Amino acid sequence: MTLEVLLSELKFDKNIEKAIMEKIHNDNDEIERLSKTAYDQTKNGFELCKQDPFTRLAVIIHLLVKTYD
């Protein structure tokens, strides 16, 4: 499944959908790096929780695409 198809299935507002796509495409290296450690738990919680909410959303959607494939 592609990012575009997944986003259309999630039924986000078109502006949010566009922003998510831009975030994933523009910050692909960061999103990829964060996705590798997203659920690594430390004594202070999950690594992903240390990110801003929009970045967390982008990482989760990135992981959904990878998991679906």
C-alpha atoms as a PDB file:
ATOM      1  CA  MET A   1       0.000   0.000   0.000  1.00  0.00           C
ATOM      2  CA  THR A   2       1.261   3.459  -0.814  1.00  0.00           C
ATOM      3  CA  LEU A   3       1.265   6.448   1.482  1.00  0.00           C
ATOM      4  CA  GLU A   4      -1.273   8.200  -0.729  1.00  0.00           C
ATOM      5  CA  VAL A   5      -3.713   5.264  -0.645  1.00  0.00           C
ATOM      6  CA  LEU A   6      -3.348   4.823   3.110  1.00  0.00           C
ATOM      7  CA  LEU A   7      -3.984   8.513   3.763  1.00  0.00           C
ATOM      8  CA  SER A   8      -7.118   8.439   1.624  1.00  0.00           C
ATOM      9  CA  GLU A   9      -8.341   5.417   3.608  1.00  0.00           C
ATOM     10  CA  LEU A  10      -7.760   7.232   6.898  1.00  0.00           C
ATOM     11  CA  LYS A  11     -10.162  10.002   5.788  1.00  0.00           C
ATOM     12  CA  PHE A  12      -8.117  12.957   7.021  1.00  0.00           C
ATOM     13  CA  ASP A  13      -9.053  16.471   5.981  1.00  0.00           C
ATOM     14  CA  LYS A  14      -7.273  17.266   2.685  1.00  0.00           C
ATOM     15  CA  ASN A  15      -5.082  19.930   4.346  1.00  0.00           C
ATOM     16  CA  ILE A  16      -3.951  17.497   7.029  1.00  0.00           C
ATOM     17  CA  GLU A  17      -3.372  14.792   4.428  1.00  0.00           C
ATOM     18  CA  LYS A  18      -1.185  17.191   2.422  1.00  0.00           C
ATOM     19  CA  ALA A  19       0.759  18.260   5.525  1.00  0.00           C
ATOM     20  CA  ILE A  20       1.423  14.638   6.509  1.00  0.00           C
ATOM     21  CA  MET A  21       2.634  13.765   3.013  1.00  0.00           C
ATOM     22  CA  GLU A  22       4.911  16.794   2.978  1.00  0.00           C
ATOM     23  CA  LYS A  23       6.300  15.969   6.426  1.00  0.00           C
ATOM     24  CA  ILE A  24       7.079  12.379   5.452  1.00  0.00           C
ATOM     25  CA  HIS A  25       8.611  13.358   2.097  1.00  0.00           C
ATOM     26  CA  ASN A  26      10.550  16.410   3.326  1.00  0.00           C
ATOM     27  CA  ASP A  27      11.838  14.832   6.538  1.00  0.00           C
ATOM     28  CA  ASN A  28      12.131  11.264   5.272  1.00  0.00           C
ATOM     29  CA  ASP A  29      15.509  10.604   6.903  1.00  0.00           C
ATOM     30  CA  GLU A  30      14.245  11.769  10.298  1.00  0.00           C
ATOM     31  CA  ILE A  31      10.966   9.834   9.961  1.00  0.00           C
ATOM     32  CA  GLU A  32      12.837   6.693   8.944  1.00  0.00           C
ATOM     33  CA  ARG A  33      15.269   7.061  11.855  1.00  0.00           C
ATOM     34  CA  LEU A  34      12.480   7.649  14.347  1.00  0.00           C
ATOM     35  CA  SER A  35      10.461   4.725  13.002  1.00  0.00           C
ATOM     36  CA  LYS A  36      13.332   2.366  13.804  1.00  0.00           C
ATOM     37  CA  THR A  37      13.289   3.331  17.491  1.00  0.00           C
ATOM     38  CA  ALA A  38       9.649   4.393  17.889  1.00  0.00           C
ATOM     39  CA  TYR A  39       8.775   1.671  20.362  1.00  0.00           C
ATOM     40  CA  ASP A  40      12.110   1.318  22.109  1.00  0.00           C
ATOM     41  CA  GLN A  41      11.302   1.799  25.753  1.00  0.00           C
ATOM     42  CA  THR A  42      13.571   3.548  28.188  1.00  0.00           C
ATOM     43  CA  LYS A  43      13.040   4.203  31.868  1.00  0.00           C
ATOM     44  CA  ASN A  44      11.377   7.476  30.807  1.00  0.00           C
ATOM     45  CA  GLY A  45       8.940   5.857  28.343  1.00  0.00           C
ATOM     46  CA  PHE A  46       8.905   5.283  24.625  1.00  0.00           C
ATOM     47  CA  GLU A  47      11.306   7.206  22.406  1.00  0.00           C
ATOM     48  CA  LEU A  48       8.484   8.241  20.097  1.00  0.00           C
ATOM     49  CA  CYS A  49       6.689  10.045  22.928  1.00  0.00           C
ATOM     50  CA  LYS A  50       9.546  12.545  23.119  1.00  0.00           C
ATOM     51  CA  GLN A  51       8.590  13.958  19.697  1.00  0.00           C
ATOM     52  CA  ASP A  52       5.999  16.616  18.898  1.00  0.00           C
ATOM     53  CA  PRO A  53       2.493  15.286  18.140  1.00  0.00           C
ATOM     54  CA  PHE A  54       2.646  15.918  14.382  1.00  0.00           C
ATOM     55  CA  THR A  55       5.968  14.090  14.053  1.00  0.00           C
ATOM     56  CA  ARG A  56       4.537  11.190  16.073  1.00  0.00           C
ATOM     57  CA  LEU A  57       1.571  11.031  13.696  1.00  0.00           C
ATOM     58  CA  ALA A  58       3.857  11.049  10.648  1.00  0.00           C
ATOM     59  CA  VAL A  59       5.996   8.251  12.105  1.00  0.00           C
ATOM     60  CA  ILE A  60       2.948   6.123  12.922  1.00  0.00           C
ATOM     61  CA  ILE A  61       1.561   6.560   9.412  1.00  0.00           C
ATOM     62  CA  HIS A  62       4.977   5.739   7.961  1.00  0.00           C
ATOM     63  CA  LEU A  63       5.012   2.565  10.066  1.00  0.00           C
ATOM     64  CA  LEU A  64       1.472   1.690   8.941  1.00  0.00           C
ATOM     65  CA  VAL A  65       2.548   1.783   5.308  1.00  0.00           C
ATOM     66  CA  LYS A  66       5.545  -0.446   6.046  1.00  0.00           C
ATOM     67  CA  THR A  67       3.508  -2.855   8.186  1.00  0.00           C
ATOM     68  CA  TYR A  68       0.753  -3.144   5.603  1.00  0.00           C
ATOM     69  CA  ASP A  69       3.269  -4.142   2.932  1.00  0.00           C
END
